[in-house]
PDB file of N, CA and C in Angstrom:
ATOM      1  N   MET A   1       8.901  -3.593   9.749  1.00  0.00           N
ATOM      2  CA  MET A   1       8.547  -2.194   9.676  1.00  0.00           C
ATOM      3  C   MET A   1       7.044  -2.092   9.439  1.00  0.00           C
ATOM      4  N   ARG A   2       6.416  -1.169  10.097  1.00  0.00           N
ATOM      5  CA  ARG A   2       4.988  -0.915   9.915  1.00  0.00           C
ATOM      6  C   ARG A   2       4.810   0.313   9.037  1.00  0.00           C
ATOM      7  N   VAL A   3       3.928   0.191   8.054  1.00  0.00           N
ATOM      8  CA  VAL A   3       3.692   1.277   7.106  1.00  0.00           C
ATOM      9  C   VAL A   3       2.196   1.511   6.988  1.00  0.00           C
ATOM     10  N   ILE A   4       1.782   2.765   7.046  1.00  0.00           N
ATOM     11  CA  ILE A   4       0.381   3.128   6.853  1.00  0.00           C
ATOM     12  C   ILE A   4       0.259   3.764   5.468  1.00  0.00           C
ATOM     13  N   LEU A   5      -0.638   3.214   4.666  1.00  0.00           N
ATOM     14  CA  LEU A   5      -0.830   3.720   3.313  1.00  0.00           C
ATOM     15  C   LEU A   5      -2.192   4.383   3.176  1.00  0.00           C
ATOM     16  N   ASP A   6      -2.233   5.469   2.431  1.00  0.00           N
ATOM     17  CA  ASP A   6      -3.515   6.095   2.148  1.00  0.00           C
ATOM     18  C   ASP A   6      -3.945   5.740   0.721  1.00  0.00           C
ATOM     19  N   VAL A   7      -5.108   6.184   0.342  1.00  0.00           N
ATOM     20  CA  VAL A   7      -5.681   5.837  -0.956  1.00  0.00           C
ATOM     21  C   VAL A   7      -4.787   6.287  -2.107  1.00  0.00           C
ATOM     22  N   ASN A   8      -4.177   7.456  -1.989  1.00  0.00           N
ATOM     23  CA  ASN A   8      -3.322   7.966  -3.069  1.00  0.00           C
ATOM     24  C   ASN A   8      -2.158   7.024  -3.366  1.00  0.00           C
ATOM     25  N   VAL A   9      -1.598   6.432  -2.340  1.00  0.00           N
ATOM     26  CA  VAL A   9      -0.478   5.513  -2.537  1.00  0.00           C
ATOM     27  C   VAL A   9      -0.954   4.251  -3.245  1.00  0.00           C
ATOM     28  N   TRP A  10      -2.108   3.716  -2.829  1.00  0.00           N
ATOM     29  CA  TRP A  10      -2.642   2.509  -3.473  1.00  0.00           C
ATOM     30  C   TRP A  10      -2.889   2.761  -4.966  1.00  0.00           C
ATOM     31  N   ILE A  11      -3.524   3.878  -5.274  1.00  0.00           N
ATOM     32  CA  ILE A  11      -3.850   4.193  -6.665  1.00  0.00           C
ATOM     33  C   ILE A  11      -2.577   4.403  -7.481  1.00  0.00           C
ATOM     34  N   SER A  12      -1.630   5.163  -6.954  1.00  0.00           N
ATOM     35  CA  SER A  12      -0.373   5.388  -7.658  1.00  0.00           C
ATOM     36  C   SER A  12       0.361   4.077  -7.911  1.00  0.00           C
ATOM     37  N   ALA A  13       0.371   3.203  -6.924  1.00  0.00           N
ATOM     38  CA  ALA A  13       1.051   1.912  -7.068  1.00  0.00           C
ATOM     39  C   ALA A  13       0.423   1.084  -8.175  1.00  0.00           C
ATOM     40  N   LEU A  14      -0.893   1.070  -8.210  1.00  0.00           N
ATOM     41  CA  LEU A  14      -1.588   0.251  -9.205  1.00  0.00           C
ATOM     42  C   LEU A  14      -1.489   0.826 -10.615  1.00  0.00           C
ATOM     43  N   LEU A  15      -1.481   2.143 -10.740  1.00  0.00           N
ATOM     44  CA  LEU A  15      -1.469   2.763 -12.060  1.00  0.00           C
ATOM     45  C   LEU A  15      -0.074   3.023 -12.616  1.00  0.00           C
ATOM     46  N   TRP A  16       0.850   3.463 -11.764  1.00  0.00           N
ATOM     47  CA  TRP A  16       2.143   3.908 -12.270  1.00  0.00           C
ATOM     48  C   TRP A  16       3.350   3.182 -11.686  1.00  0.00           C
ATOM     49  N   GLY A  17       3.182   2.459 -10.610  1.00  0.00           N
ATOM     50  CA  GLY A  17       4.328   1.760 -10.016  1.00  0.00           C
ATOM     51  C   GLY A  17       5.189   2.712  -9.209  1.00  0.00           C
ATOM     52  N   GLY A  18       6.453   2.863  -9.587  1.00  0.00           N
ATOM     53  CA  GLY A  18       7.372   3.760  -8.884  1.00  0.00           C
ATOM     54  C   GLY A  18       7.560   3.352  -7.432  1.00  0.00           C
ATOM     55  N   VAL A  19       7.811   4.335  -6.567  1.00  0.00           N
ATOM     56  CA  VAL A  19       8.017   4.072  -5.144  1.00  0.00           C
ATOM     57  C   VAL A  19       6.775   3.440  -4.502  1.00  0.00           C
ATOM     58  N   PRO A  20       5.558   3.928  -4.799  1.00  0.00           N
ATOM     59  CA  PRO A  20       4.381   3.263  -4.236  1.00  0.00           C
ATOM     60  C   PRO A  20       4.285   1.791  -4.672  1.00  0.00           C
ATOM     61  N   GLY A  21       4.635   1.508  -5.910  1.00  0.00           N
ATOM     62  CA  GLY A  21       4.628   0.129  -6.391  1.00  0.00           C
ATOM     63  C   GLY A  21       5.634  -0.722  -5.643  1.00  0.00           C
ATOM     64  N   LYS A  22       6.800  -0.158  -5.384  1.00  0.00           N
ATOM     65  CA  LYS A  22       7.826  -0.873  -4.618  1.00  0.00           C
ATOM     66  C   LYS A  22       7.316  -1.171  -3.212  1.00  0.00           C
ATOM     67  N   THR A  23       6.590  -0.223  -2.637  1.00  0.00           N
ATOM     68  CA  THR A  23       6.029  -0.421  -1.306  1.00  0.00           C
ATOM     69  C   THR A  23       5.061  -1.602  -1.297  1.00  0.00           C
ATOM     70  N   LEU A  24       4.212  -1.693  -2.305  1.00  0.00           N
ATOM     71  CA  LEU A  24       3.287  -2.826  -2.378  1.00  0.00           C
ATOM     72  C   LEU A  24       4.022  -4.141  -2.602  1.00  0.00           C
ATOM     73  N   ARG A  25       5.092  -4.114  -3.385  1.00  0.00           N
ATOM     74  CA  ARG A  25       5.887  -5.343  -3.582  1.00  0.00           C
ATOM     75  C   ARG A  25       6.525  -5.793  -2.274  1.00  0.00           C
ATOM     76  N   LEU A  26       7.027  -4.842  -1.491  1.00  0.00           N
ATOM     77  CA  LEU A  26       7.592  -5.179  -0.188  1.00  0.00           C
ATOM     78  C   LEU A  26       6.537  -5.814   0.711  1.00  0.00           C
ATOM     79  N   ALA A  27       5.330  -5.274   0.668  1.00  0.00           N
ATOM     80  CA  ALA A  27       4.237  -5.835   1.465  1.00  0.00           C
ATOM     81  C   ALA A  27       3.879  -7.232   0.978  1.00  0.00           C
ATOM     82  N   ARG A  28       3.810  -7.412  -0.337  1.00  0.00           N
ATOM     83  CA  ARG A  28       3.481  -8.708  -0.921  1.00  0.00           C
ATOM     84  C   ARG A  28       4.512  -9.769  -0.529  1.00  0.00           C
ATOM     85  N   ASN A  29       5.776  -9.348  -0.426  1.00  0.00           N
ATOM     86  CA  ASN A  29       6.858 -10.258  -0.049  1.00  0.00           C
ATOM     87  C   ASN A  29       7.040 -10.352   1.465  1.00  0.00           C
ATOM     88  N   GLN A  30       6.119  -9.746   2.204  1.00  0.00           N
ATOM     89  CA  GLN A  30       6.092  -9.760   3.665  1.00  0.00           C
ATOM     90  C   GLN A  30       7.360  -9.176   4.283  1.00  0.00           C
ATOM     91  N   GLN A  31       7.928  -8.174   3.623  1.00  0.00           N
ATOM     92  CA  GLN A  31       9.088  -7.483   4.159  1.00  0.00           C
ATOM     93  C   GLN A  31       8.674  -6.283   5.006  1.00  0.00           C
ATOM     94  N   ILE A  32       7.434  -5.813   4.807  1.00  0.00           N
ATOM     95  CA  ILE A  32       6.861  -4.756   5.636  1.00  0.00           C
ATOM     96  C   ILE A  32       5.426  -5.134   5.960  1.00  0.00           C
ATOM     97  N   ASN A  33       4.885  -4.564   7.020  1.00  0.00           N
ATOM     98  CA  ASN A  33       3.484  -4.748   7.385  1.00  0.00           C
ATOM     99  C   ASN A  33       2.734  -3.480   7.018  1.00  0.00           C
ATOM    100  N   VAL A  34       1.691  -3.645   6.209  1.00  0.00           N
ATOM    101  CA  VAL A  34       0.912  -2.497   5.759  1.00  0.00           C
ATOM    102  C   VAL A  34      -0.353  -2.388   6.600  1.00  0.00           C
ATOM    103  N   PHE A  35      -0.639  -1.184   7.028  1.00  0.00           N
ATOM    104  CA  PHE A  35      -1.844  -0.898   7.786  1.00  0.00           C
ATOM    105  C   PHE A  35      -2.666   0.121   7.020  1.00  0.00           C
ATOM    106  N   ALA A  36      -3.966  -0.045   7.061  1.00  0.00           N
ATOM    107  CA  ALA A  36      -4.866   0.897   6.416  1.00  0.00           C
ATOM    108  C   ALA A  36      -6.133   0.990   7.251  1.00  0.00           C
ATOM    109  N   SER A  37      -6.814   2.086   7.103  1.00  0.00           N
ATOM    110  CA  SER A  37      -8.063   2.276   7.811  1.00  0.00           C
ATOM    111  C   SER A  37      -9.115   1.298   7.288  1.00  0.00           C
ATOM    112  N   GLU A  38      -9.866   0.727   8.186  1.00  0.00           N
ATOM    113  CA  GLU A  38     -10.936  -0.193   7.803  1.00  0.00           C
ATOM    114  C   GLU A  38     -11.953   0.498   6.898  1.00  0.00           C
ATOM    115  N   ARG A  39     -12.111   1.777   7.052  1.00  0.00           N
ATOM    116  CA  ARG A  39     -13.086   2.534   6.253  1.00  0.00           C
ATOM    117  C   ARG A  39     -12.742   2.511   4.761  1.00  0.00           C
ATOM    118  N   LEU A  40     -11.482   2.264   4.424  1.00  0.00           N
ATOM    119  CA  LEU A  40     -11.105   2.174   3.015  1.00  0.00           C
ATOM    120  C   LEU A  40     -11.742   0.974   2.338  1.00  0.00           C
ATOM    121  N   PHE A  41     -12.111  -0.028   3.116  1.00  0.00           N
ATOM    122  CA  PHE A  41     -12.611  -1.270   2.557  1.00  0.00           C
ATOM    123  C   PHE A  41     -14.116  -1.463   2.702  1.00  0.00           C
ATOM    124  N   ILE A  42     -14.793  -0.475   3.260  1.00  0.00           N
ATOM    125  CA  ILE A  42     -16.248  -0.544   3.440  1.00  0.00           C
ATOM    126  C   ILE A  42     -16.926  -0.147   2.138  1.00  0.00           C
ATOM    127  N   LYS A  43     -17.919  -0.914   1.750  1.00  0.00           N
ATOM    128  CA  LYS A  43     -18.656  -0.625   0.510  1.00  0.00           C
ATOM    129  C   LYS A  43     -19.551   0.567   0.656  1.00  0.00           C
TER     130      LYS A  43
END
């Protein structure tokens, strides 16, 4: 499954967990593929 995450999901996952946290765990376990805009990672 391909999933696109925005900044709000990343922040929620890191601070509070919940469903966004579960999404990151799925990505970490390679059960889903996460896509994000390259602009999120530009300094």
